[in-house]
Amino acid sequence: SAGAEEVVLPPLPASFQRDLELSFAVYSQSTGGAGAPLLPRSEVQRALMYAGIFNTVLRDFDGADCGGGGDAAGEGGDGGRALTMGEFVAVGHRAAMSPLSCSQLKTIKVLFDRFDKSKSGSLDVQDMVKVFRDIFHPQVAIEEVHGIAREWNRESSGRLGLADFISVISRFIRIHEQDWCLMQGFRAVMGKGQGEKCNDSDKLRVEDLVLNSSIPLTDEEA
């Protein structure tokens, strides 16, 4: 659409690439003769989970990535043509990483520079925990940040440069995308305006559901 920001999909870590290729080898089927093996559309969801990528809604991906059609894997037989390894890795890439807009990238760079106290051009994992708690939630678990960052830090000095930092943020956003959507839905039903925060004293009432639901509800249904 006119005026829409361009988005960037950060690269996959090497470990994810290997896992997706291994998963394809496990779930793909021979096409006979000299043809390359293909992954049936009905097996895409299972193959992603085998590679460690969960809660993927395949209808969110366009037909070019998923082999045609817009429904989730397994609906209506194969739900579309089978995927080559390259197509499956592309689906896995988008399922694992969240695209970031140019404005988001600028914000992330500002945060990176602010927490890079030594001006070394890199952050250690403890720095990253501080960043995540500053921009996402004050109680983000250290173990979760360590677990995600480890995928980009397996063969380095324990510090992450800006490019890897951006990738870790992208992965974290994708993992918590459903949590974010749920929170936004809760805020909408609670009638929270822009900038208003939810707190422990907020209670979801029947009248809130009836008044603010996007679909008509009776009191009994609510």
Protein backbone atom coordinates (compact mmCIF):
# COMPACT_ATOMS: atom_id res chain seq x y z
CA SER A 1 0.00 0.00 0.00
CA ALA A 2 1.06 3.60 -0.56
CA GLY A 3 3.37 4.89 2.14
CA ALA A 4 3.90 1.46 3.73
CA GLU A 5 7.31 0.95 5.30
CA GLU A 6 9.70 -1.57 3.86
CA VAL A 7 10.44 -4.49 6.14
CA VAL A 8 13.56 -6.58 6.63
CA LEU A 9 13.64 -10.24 7.64
CA PRO A 10 16.82 -10.87 9.67
CA PRO A 11 18.80 -13.96 8.65
CA LEU A 12 18.40 -17.34 10.30
CA PRO A 13 21.20 -18.61 12.53
CA ALA A 14 23.16 -21.49 11.02
CA SER A 15 21.69 -23.92 13.57
CA PHE A 16 18.12 -23.16 12.43
CA GLN A 17 19.11 -23.62 8.79
CA ARG A 18 20.60 -27.03 9.57
CA ASP A 19 17.56 -28.09 11.60
CA LEU A 20 15.17 -27.11 8.79
CA GLU A 21 17.22 -28.99 6.21
CA LEU A 22 17.31 -32.07 8.46
CA SER A 23 13.57 -31.85 9.04
CA PHE A 24 12.97 -31.64 5.30
CA ALA A 25 15.05 -34.77 4.80
CA VAL A 26 12.95 -36.62 7.40
CA TYR A 27 9.50 -35.57 6.14
CA SER A 28 10.00 -35.16 2.39
CA GLN A 29 9.02 -37.83 -0.11
CA SER A 30 10.73 -39.08 -3.22
CA THR A 31 9.18 -37.99 -6.49
CA GLY A 32 10.67 -40.94 -8.36
CA GLY A 33 13.36 -40.94 -10.96
CA ALA A 34 15.94 -38.17 -10.75
CA GLY A 35 13.51 -35.60 -9.37
CA ALA A 36 14.35 -33.86 -6.09
CA PRO A 37 12.29 -34.92 -3.04
CA LEU A 38 9.31 -32.76 -2.08
CA LEU A 39 7.58 -32.05 1.21
CA PRO A 40 3.79 -32.60 1.13
CA ARG A 41 1.85 -29.56 2.28
CA SER A 42 0.10 -31.72 4.90
CA GLU A 43 3.48 -32.38 6.55
CA VAL A 44 4.72 -28.77 6.74
CA GLN A 45 3.44 -28.12 10.27
CA ARG A 46 4.95 -31.33 11.64
CA ALA A 47 8.23 -30.65 9.85
CA LEU A 48 8.43 -27.18 11.40
CA MET A 49 7.83 -28.59 14.86
CA TYR A 50 10.50 -31.23 14.26
CA ALA A 51 12.87 -28.32 13.57
CA GLY A 52 11.85 -26.67 16.84
CA ILE A 53 9.49 -24.03 15.40
CA PHE A 54 6.06 -24.13 17.04
CA ASN A 55 2.70 -22.33 16.91
CA THR A 56 2.99 -21.45 13.24
CA VAL A 57 -0.20 -20.32 11.49
CA LEU A 58 0.58 -21.20 7.89
CA ARG A 59 -2.30 -19.19 6.46
CA ASP A 60 -0.26 -16.10 7.45
CA PHE A 61 2.26 -16.93 4.72
CA ASP A 62 1.59 -16.21 1.07
CA GLY A 63 1.07 -18.88 -1.55
CA ALA A 64 4.58 -18.53 -2.98
CA ASP A 65 6.06 -19.65 0.33
CA CYS A 66 3.57 -22.36 1.14
CA GLY A 67 3.08 -23.87 -2.27
CA GLY A 68 -0.25 -22.24 -3.12
CA GLY A 69 -3.49 -21.91 -1.25
CA GLY A 70 -4.07 -19.97 1.93
CA ASP A 71 -5.23 -22.59 4.44
CA ALA A 72 -3.29 -24.22 7.21
CA ALA A 73 -1.38 -27.40 6.51
CA GLY A 74 -3.50 -30.52 6.47
CA GLU A 75 -6.78 -28.88 5.46
CA GLY A 76 -8.30 -30.33 2.32
CA GLY A 77 -5.76 -33.08 1.68
CA ASP A 78 -2.34 -31.64 0.90
CA GLY A 79 -3.82 -28.11 0.75
CA GLY A 80 -1.59 -27.21 -2.20
CA ARG A 81 1.41 -28.42 -4.09
CA ALA A 82 4.39 -29.92 -2.29
CA LEU A 83 7.37 -27.79 -1.31
CA THR A 84 10.99 -27.97 -2.40
CA MET A 85 13.68 -27.71 0.25
CA GLY A 86 14.26 -24.05 -0.60
CA GLU A 87 10.56 -23.25 -0.24
CA PHE A 88 10.33 -25.09 3.07
CA VAL A 89 13.37 -23.28 4.45
CA ALA A 90 11.78 -19.97 3.36
CA VAL A 91 8.59 -20.86 5.25
CA GLY A 92 10.66 -21.87 8.28
CA HIS A 93 12.60 -18.61 8.06
CA ARG A 94 9.43 -16.53 8.21
CA ALA A 95 7.94 -18.76 10.90
CA ALA A 96 11.01 -18.36 13.12
CA MET A 97 11.78 -14.66 12.60
CA SER A 98 9.60 -11.55 12.69
CA PRO A 99 10.02 -8.97 9.91
CA LEU A 100 11.15 -5.56 11.19
CA SER A 101 10.32 -2.20 9.67
CA CYS A 102 12.93 0.46 8.99
CA SER A 103 11.66 2.54 11.91
CA GLN A 104 11.89 -0.48 14.20
CA LEU A 105 15.46 -1.11 13.06
CA LYS A 106 16.37 2.49 13.87
CA THR A 107 14.85 2.16 17.34
CA ILE A 108 16.74 -1.08 17.96
CA LYS A 109 20.02 0.57 16.94
CA VAL A 110 19.37 3.45 19.36
CA LEU A 111 18.79 0.93 22.15
CA PHE A 112 21.91 -1.01 21.19
CA ASP A 113 24.04 2.12 21.30
CA ARG A 114 22.52 3.20 24.63
CA PHE A 115 23.34 -0.10 26.33
CA ASP A 116 26.77 -0.43 24.70
CA LYS A 117 28.40 1.50 27.53
CA SER A 118 31.94 0.55 26.49
CA LYS A 119 31.31 1.58 22.85
CA SER A 120 32.80 -1.73 21.75
CA GLY A 121 30.12 -2.34 19.14
CA SER A 122 28.86 -5.41 20.99
CA LEU A 123 26.74 -6.45 23.98
CA ASP A 124 27.14 -9.38 26.33
CA VAL A 125 24.16 -11.44 27.39
CA GLN A 126 23.77 -9.57 30.67
CA ASP A 127 23.49 -6.32 28.69
CA MET A 128 20.83 -7.98 26.55
CA VAL A 129 18.80 -9.00 29.60
CA LYS A 130 18.76 -5.33 30.65
CA VAL A 131 17.61 -4.30 27.16
CA PHE A 132 14.83 -6.88 27.07
CA ARG A 133 13.60 -5.88 30.51
CA ASP A 134 13.66 -2.25 29.48
CA ILE A 135 11.73 -2.58 26.22
CA PHE A 136 9.56 -5.70 26.72
CA HIS A 137 8.84 -6.54 30.34
CA PRO A 138 10.73 -6.03 33.63
CA GLN A 139 10.35 -9.71 34.47
CA VAL A 140 11.66 -11.24 31.24
CA ALA A 141 13.45 -14.42 32.33
CA ILE A 142 17.23 -14.44 32.10
CA GLU A 143 17.06 -18.06 30.93
CA GLU A 144 14.87 -17.15 27.95
CA VAL A 145 17.20 -14.37 26.81
CA HIS A 146 20.21 -16.68 27.21
CA GLY A 147 18.45 -19.45 25.29
CA ILE A 148 17.60 -17.26 22.30
CA ALA A 149 20.94 -15.43 22.23
CA ARG A 150 22.83 -18.74 22.32
CA GLU A 151 21.68 -19.51 18.78
CA TRP A 152 23.71 -16.53 17.52
CA ASN A 153 26.54 -16.95 20.00
CA ARG A 154 27.67 -20.55 19.62
CA GLU A 155 31.01 -19.83 18.03
CA SER A 156 31.80 -16.31 19.22
CA SER A 157 33.27 -14.61 22.26
CA GLY A 158 30.05 -14.37 24.25
CA ARG A 159 29.18 -10.95 22.84
CA LEU A 160 26.75 -9.99 20.08
CA GLY A 161 27.16 -7.25 17.49
CA LEU A 162 24.32 -5.11 16.18
CA ALA A 163 23.30 -7.52 13.38
CA ASP A 164 23.00 -10.47 15.77
CA PHE A 165 21.24 -8.29 18.34
CA ILE A 166 18.62 -7.37 15.73
CA SER A 167 18.15 -11.07 14.92
CA VAL A 168 17.66 -11.97 18.58
CA ILE A 169 15.03 -9.23 18.95
CA SER A 170 13.29 -10.52 15.82
CA ARG A 171 13.22 -14.08 17.18
CA PHE A 172 11.92 -12.94 20.58
CA ILE A 173 9.10 -10.98 18.93
CA ARG A 174 8.07 -13.98 16.83
CA ILE A 175 8.06 -16.32 19.84
CA HIS A 176 5.80 -13.96 21.78
CA GLU A 177 3.64 -12.84 18.88
CA GLN A 178 0.59 -14.76 20.11
CA ASP A 179 1.04 -13.36 23.63
CA TRP A 180 1.10 -9.87 22.14
CA CYS A 181 -2.06 -10.49 20.10
CA LEU A 182 -3.81 -11.88 23.18
CA MET A 183 -2.81 -8.84 25.23
CA GLN A 184 -4.00 -6.47 22.51
CA GLY A 185 -7.33 -8.32 22.37
CA PHE A 186 -7.65 -8.11 26.15
CA ARG A 187 -6.90 -4.37 26.06
CA ALA A 188 -9.54 -3.87 23.37
CA VAL A 189 -12.19 -5.80 25.31
CA MET A 190 -11.29 -3.88 28.47
CA GLY A 191 -11.78 -0.63 26.56
CA LYS A 192 -8.21 0.53 27.21
CA GLY A 193 -7.21 3.55 25.17
CA GLN A 194 -3.84 4.24 23.54
CA GLY A 195 -1.16 4.49 26.22
CA GLU A 196 -3.37 3.09 29.03
CA LYS A 197 -1.79 0.16 30.84
CA CYS A 198 -3.44 -2.96 32.19
CA ASN A 199 -2.77 -3.65 35.87
CA ASP A 200 -3.47 -6.31 38.49
CA SER A 201 -6.69 -4.62 39.59
CA ASP A 202 -8.29 -4.83 36.12
CA LYS A 203 -11.15 -7.31 35.90
CA LEU A 204 -12.87 -8.57 32.77
CA ARG A 205 -16.62 -8.06 33.18
CA VAL A 206 -19.47 -9.53 31.16
CA GLU A 207 -20.58 -6.05 30.10
CA ASP A 208 -17.07 -5.35 28.75
CA LEU A 209 -17.23 -8.45 26.53
CA VAL A 210 -20.70 -7.55 25.24
CA LEU A 211 -19.84 -3.90 24.63
CA ASN A 212 -16.35 -4.24 23.11
CA SER A 213 -16.33 -7.63 21.39
CA SER A 214 -15.73 -7.55 17.63
CA ILE A 215 -18.57 -10.07 17.20
CA PRO A 216 -22.10 -9.77 18.60
CA LEU A 217 -22.44 -11.55 21.98
CA THR A 218 -25.33 -12.01 24.36
CA ASP A 219 -24.81 -11.87 28.13
CA GLU A 220 -25.15 -15.67 28.26
CA GLU A 221 -22.49 -16.17 25.57
CA ALA A 222 -20.11 -13.73 27.25
